[in-house]
N, C-alpha and C. Protein backbone atom coordinates (compact mmCIF):
# COMPACT_ATOMS: atom_id res chain seq x y z
N MET A 1 69.63 96.00 -72.76
CA MET A 1 69.37 94.58 -72.85
C MET A 1 68.11 94.21 -72.08
N GLU A 2 67.96 94.75 -70.86
CA GLU A 2 66.78 94.44 -70.06
C GLU A 2 65.51 94.97 -70.72
N LEU A 3 65.62 96.10 -71.39
CA LEU A 3 64.46 96.69 -72.06
C LEU A 3 63.92 95.76 -73.14
N PHE A 4 64.81 95.12 -73.87
CA PHE A 4 64.37 94.18 -74.91
C PHE A 4 63.67 92.97 -74.31
N ILE A 5 64.15 92.52 -73.19
CA ILE A 5 63.52 91.37 -72.52
C ILE A 5 62.13 91.75 -72.04
N ILE A 6 62.00 92.93 -71.46
CA ILE A 6 60.70 93.40 -70.98
C ILE A 6 59.72 93.55 -72.14
N LEU A 7 60.18 94.12 -73.25
CA LEU A 7 59.31 94.27 -74.43
C LEU A 7 58.90 92.91 -74.99
N ALA A 8 59.81 91.97 -75.01
CA ALA A 8 59.48 90.63 -75.51
C ALA A 8 58.43 89.96 -74.65
N VAL A 9 58.54 90.10 -73.34
CA VAL A 9 57.56 89.52 -72.42
C VAL A 9 56.19 90.18 -72.63
N LEU A 10 56.18 91.50 -72.81
CA LEU A 10 54.92 92.21 -73.04
C LEU A 10 54.26 91.76 -74.33
N VAL A 11 55.04 91.58 -75.38
CA VAL A 11 54.50 91.13 -76.67
C VAL A 11 53.92 89.73 -76.51
N LEU A 12 54.59 88.87 -75.77
CA LEU A 12 54.09 87.51 -75.57
C LEU A 12 52.81 87.50 -74.73
N LEU A 13 52.75 88.35 -73.74
CA LEU A 13 51.58 88.36 -72.86
C LEU A 13 50.35 88.99 -73.51
N PHE A 14 50.53 90.14 -74.13
CA PHE A 14 49.38 90.90 -74.63
C PHE A 14 49.21 90.82 -76.14
N GLY A 15 50.20 90.44 -76.87
CA GLY A 15 50.11 90.42 -78.32
C GLY A 15 50.47 91.78 -78.89
N ALA A 16 50.92 91.78 -80.14
CA ALA A 16 51.39 93.01 -80.77
C ALA A 16 50.26 94.01 -81.00
N SER A 17 49.03 93.54 -81.18
CA SER A 17 47.93 94.47 -81.48
C SER A 17 47.45 95.22 -80.23
N LYS A 18 47.64 94.67 -79.04
CA LYS A 18 47.16 95.31 -77.81
C LYS A 18 48.17 96.30 -77.23
N LEU A 19 49.42 96.20 -77.59
CA LEU A 19 50.45 97.07 -77.00
C LEU A 19 50.20 98.56 -77.26
N PRO A 20 49.84 98.98 -78.48
CA PRO A 20 49.58 100.42 -78.67
C PRO A 20 48.40 100.92 -77.82
N GLU A 21 47.38 100.10 -77.66
CA GLU A 21 46.24 100.51 -76.83
C GLU A 21 46.65 100.64 -75.37
N LEU A 22 47.46 99.69 -74.90
CA LEU A 22 47.94 99.77 -73.52
C LEU A 22 48.81 101.00 -73.29
N ALA A 23 49.68 101.29 -74.24
CA ALA A 23 50.56 102.46 -74.13
C ALA A 23 49.73 103.75 -74.14
N ARG A 24 48.73 103.82 -75.00
CA ARG A 24 47.89 105.01 -75.10
C ARG A 24 47.11 105.21 -73.80
N GLY A 25 46.53 104.15 -73.28
CA GLY A 25 45.78 104.25 -72.03
C GLY A 25 46.66 104.64 -70.86
N SER A 26 47.86 104.08 -70.82
CA SER A 26 48.79 104.43 -69.74
C SER A 26 49.22 105.89 -69.84
N GLY A 27 49.45 106.35 -71.05
CA GLY A 27 49.84 107.75 -71.25
C GLY A 27 48.74 108.71 -70.84
N GLN A 28 47.50 108.39 -71.18
CA GLN A 28 46.39 109.26 -70.79
C GLN A 28 46.21 109.27 -69.28
N ALA A 29 46.34 108.11 -68.66
CA ALA A 29 46.20 108.06 -67.20
C ALA A 29 47.30 108.87 -66.52
N LEU A 30 48.52 108.77 -67.03
CA LEU A 30 49.62 109.54 -66.46
C LEU A 30 49.42 111.04 -66.66
N LYS A 31 48.90 111.43 -67.82
CA LYS A 31 48.64 112.84 -68.10
C LYS A 31 47.59 113.39 -67.14
N ILE A 32 46.51 112.64 -66.92
CA ILE A 32 45.46 113.07 -66.00
C ILE A 32 46.00 113.16 -64.58
N PHE A 33 46.78 112.17 -64.19
CA PHE A 33 47.36 112.17 -62.84
C PHE A 33 48.25 113.38 -62.62
N LYS A 34 49.09 113.70 -63.58
CA LYS A 34 49.97 114.87 -63.45
C LYS A 34 49.16 116.15 -63.35
N ALA A 35 48.09 116.27 -64.16
CA ALA A 35 47.26 117.48 -64.13
C ALA A 35 46.58 117.64 -62.78
N GLU A 36 46.09 116.54 -62.22
CA GLU A 36 45.42 116.61 -60.92
C GLU A 36 46.39 116.96 -59.80
N THR A 37 47.56 116.36 -59.79
CA THR A 37 48.52 116.67 -58.74
C THR A 37 49.04 118.09 -58.87
N LYS A 38 49.18 118.59 -60.09
CA LYS A 38 49.60 119.98 -60.28
C LYS A 38 48.53 120.92 -59.75
N GLY A 39 47.26 120.58 -59.99
CA GLY A 39 46.17 121.39 -59.47
C GLY A 39 46.15 121.41 -57.95
N LEU A 40 46.42 120.29 -57.33
CA LEU A 40 46.46 120.23 -55.87
C LEU A 40 47.61 121.06 -55.32
N ILE A 41 48.77 120.96 -55.94
CA ILE A 41 49.93 121.71 -55.48
C ILE A 41 49.69 123.20 -55.65
N ASP A 42 49.10 123.60 -56.79
CA ASP A 42 48.81 125.02 -57.02
C ASP A 42 47.81 125.55 -56.01
N SER A 43 46.76 124.77 -55.71
CA SER A 43 45.76 125.23 -54.75
C SER A 43 46.35 125.34 -53.35
N ASP A 44 47.26 124.44 -53.00
CA ASP A 44 47.93 124.53 -51.70
C ASP A 44 48.80 125.78 -51.62
N ASP A 45 49.51 126.10 -52.71
CA ASP A 45 50.34 127.30 -52.73
C ASP A 45 49.49 128.56 -52.60
N GLU A 46 48.35 128.60 -53.29
CA GLU A 46 47.47 129.77 -53.20
C GLU A 46 46.91 129.91 -51.80
N LYS A 47 46.55 128.79 -51.17
CA LYS A 47 46.01 128.83 -49.81
C LYS A 47 47.08 129.31 -48.84
N ASP A 48 48.31 128.87 -49.02
CA ASP A 48 49.41 129.32 -48.16
C ASP A 48 49.65 130.82 -48.31
N LYS A 49 49.57 131.31 -49.54
CA LYS A 49 49.77 132.74 -49.77
C LYS A 49 48.66 133.56 -49.12
N ARG A 50 47.41 133.07 -49.22
CA ARG A 50 46.29 133.80 -48.62
C ARG A 50 46.40 133.83 -47.11
N THR A 51 46.78 132.72 -46.50
CA THR A 51 46.87 132.70 -45.04
C THR A 51 48.07 133.50 -44.55
N ALA A 52 49.13 133.58 -45.34
CA ALA A 52 50.29 134.35 -44.94
C ALA A 52 50.01 135.85 -45.05
N SER A 53 49.20 136.26 -46.02
CA SER A 53 48.92 137.68 -46.19
C SER A 53 47.75 138.15 -45.35
N ALA A 54 46.94 137.26 -44.81
CA ALA A 54 45.80 137.66 -43.99
C ALA A 54 46.30 138.15 -42.64
N PRO A 55 45.69 139.24 -42.13
CA PRO A 55 46.11 139.73 -40.81
C PRO A 55 45.67 138.74 -39.73
N THR A 56 46.52 138.57 -38.78
CA THR A 56 46.24 137.64 -37.70
C THR A 56 45.82 138.43 -36.48
N THR A 57 44.65 138.11 -35.93
CA THR A 57 44.18 138.76 -34.72
C THR A 57 44.10 137.72 -33.62
N VAL A 58 44.53 138.12 -32.46
CA VAL A 58 44.51 137.23 -31.31
C VAL A 58 43.59 137.84 -30.27
N ARG A 59 42.59 137.08 -29.88
CA ARG A 59 41.66 137.57 -28.86
C ARG A 59 42.03 136.95 -27.53
N THR A 60 42.09 137.80 -26.53
CA THR A 60 42.38 137.30 -25.20
C THR A 60 41.25 137.73 -24.28
N THR A 61 40.93 136.89 -23.33
CA THR A 61 39.93 137.23 -22.33
C THR A 61 40.55 137.07 -20.96
N ASP A 62 40.18 137.97 -20.07
CA ASP A 62 40.69 137.89 -18.71
C ASP A 62 39.81 136.94 -17.91
N VAL A 63 40.42 135.91 -17.37
CA VAL A 63 39.72 134.94 -16.55
C VAL A 63 40.28 135.05 -15.14
N PRO A 64 39.40 135.33 -14.16
CA PRO A 64 39.92 135.44 -12.80
C PRO A 64 40.40 134.08 -12.31
N ALA A 65 41.50 134.11 -11.60
CA ALA A 65 42.07 132.88 -11.07
C ALA A 65 41.26 132.42 -9.86
N ALA A 66 41.04 131.14 -9.75
CA ALA A 66 40.30 130.60 -8.61
C ALA A 66 41.18 130.62 -7.38
N ASP A 67 40.61 131.03 -6.29
CA ASP A 67 41.35 131.08 -5.04
C ASP A 67 41.32 129.69 -4.42
N GLN A 68 42.44 129.02 -4.41
CA GLN A 68 42.51 127.64 -3.95
C GLN A 68 42.29 127.53 -2.44
N ALA A 69 42.67 128.53 -1.68
CA ALA A 69 42.58 128.44 -0.22
C ALA A 69 41.14 128.54 0.27
N THR A 70 40.28 129.26 -0.41
CA THR A 70 38.92 129.46 0.07
C THR A 70 37.90 128.58 -0.64
N SER A 71 38.32 127.76 -1.56
CA SER A 71 37.33 126.95 -2.26
C SER A 71 36.81 125.84 -1.37
N GLN A 72 35.52 125.60 -1.39
CA GLN A 72 34.86 124.59 -0.59
C GLN A 72 34.20 123.58 -1.53
N PRO A 73 34.12 122.32 -1.13
CA PRO A 73 33.39 121.37 -1.96
C PRO A 73 31.90 121.71 -1.97
N VAL A 74 31.22 121.37 -3.02
CA VAL A 74 29.81 121.71 -3.16
C VAL A 74 28.98 120.99 -2.12
N SER A 75 29.22 119.73 -1.89
CA SER A 75 28.48 118.99 -0.86
C SER A 75 29.40 117.95 -0.24
N GLN A 76 29.03 117.54 0.95
CA GLN A 76 29.79 116.51 1.64
C GLN A 76 29.24 115.15 1.22
N PRO A 77 30.09 114.15 1.06
CA PRO A 77 29.59 112.83 0.70
C PRO A 77 28.79 112.21 1.85
N ILE A 78 27.75 111.49 1.52
CA ILE A 78 26.90 110.84 2.51
C ILE A 78 27.28 109.37 2.55
N VAL A 79 27.56 108.87 3.74
CA VAL A 79 27.94 107.49 3.92
C VAL A 79 26.74 106.75 4.50
N VAL A 80 26.28 105.72 3.82
CA VAL A 80 25.15 104.92 4.28
C VAL A 80 25.63 103.50 4.42
N GLU A 81 25.45 102.95 5.63
CA GLU A 81 25.85 101.58 5.86
C GLU A 81 24.64 100.68 5.66
N THR A 82 24.79 99.66 4.87
CA THR A 82 23.71 98.69 4.66
C THR A 82 24.08 97.40 5.35
N PRO A 83 23.14 96.82 6.09
CA PRO A 83 23.46 95.57 6.78
C PRO A 83 23.61 94.43 5.78
N ARG A 84 24.52 93.55 6.09
CA ARG A 84 24.76 92.39 5.24
C ARG A 84 24.33 91.15 5.99
N GLU A 85 24.14 90.07 5.29
CA GLU A 85 23.68 88.84 5.93
C GLU A 85 24.68 88.34 6.97
N HIS A 86 25.92 88.35 6.65
CA HIS A 86 26.91 87.82 7.57
C HIS A 86 27.20 88.77 8.72
N ASP A 87 26.71 90.05 8.64
CA ASP A 87 26.89 91.00 9.72
C ASP A 87 25.72 90.96 10.72
N ALA A 88 24.67 90.22 10.42
CA ALA A 88 23.49 90.19 11.28
C ALA A 88 23.84 89.53 12.62
N PRO A 89 23.21 90.01 13.71
CA PRO A 89 23.49 89.42 15.04
C PRO A 89 23.00 87.97 15.10
N ARG A 90 23.74 87.13 15.80
CA ARG A 90 23.39 85.72 15.91
C ARG A 90 22.69 85.49 17.25
N ALA A 91 21.68 84.67 17.22
CA ALA A 91 20.94 84.40 18.45
C ALA A 91 21.20 83.02 18.98
């Protein structure tokens, strides 16, 4: 019942001559969309197969640990006092 109502509304909106063109265009768009998504899914599957079959190598490098007890700061901070107006001696 609902299908007939939908078809009647479409006929009233677009006219009987435009409905086949709309259906054809929608079908072509859906066909292209399905082909593209299938291509994406297939390429993802192939990529997964290639990465699963590729040998995995892990490179490790030995990094010496920093000795926390003997580390010294590069330089000591310098403190410079600048006189301010309100700190000036009063006469």
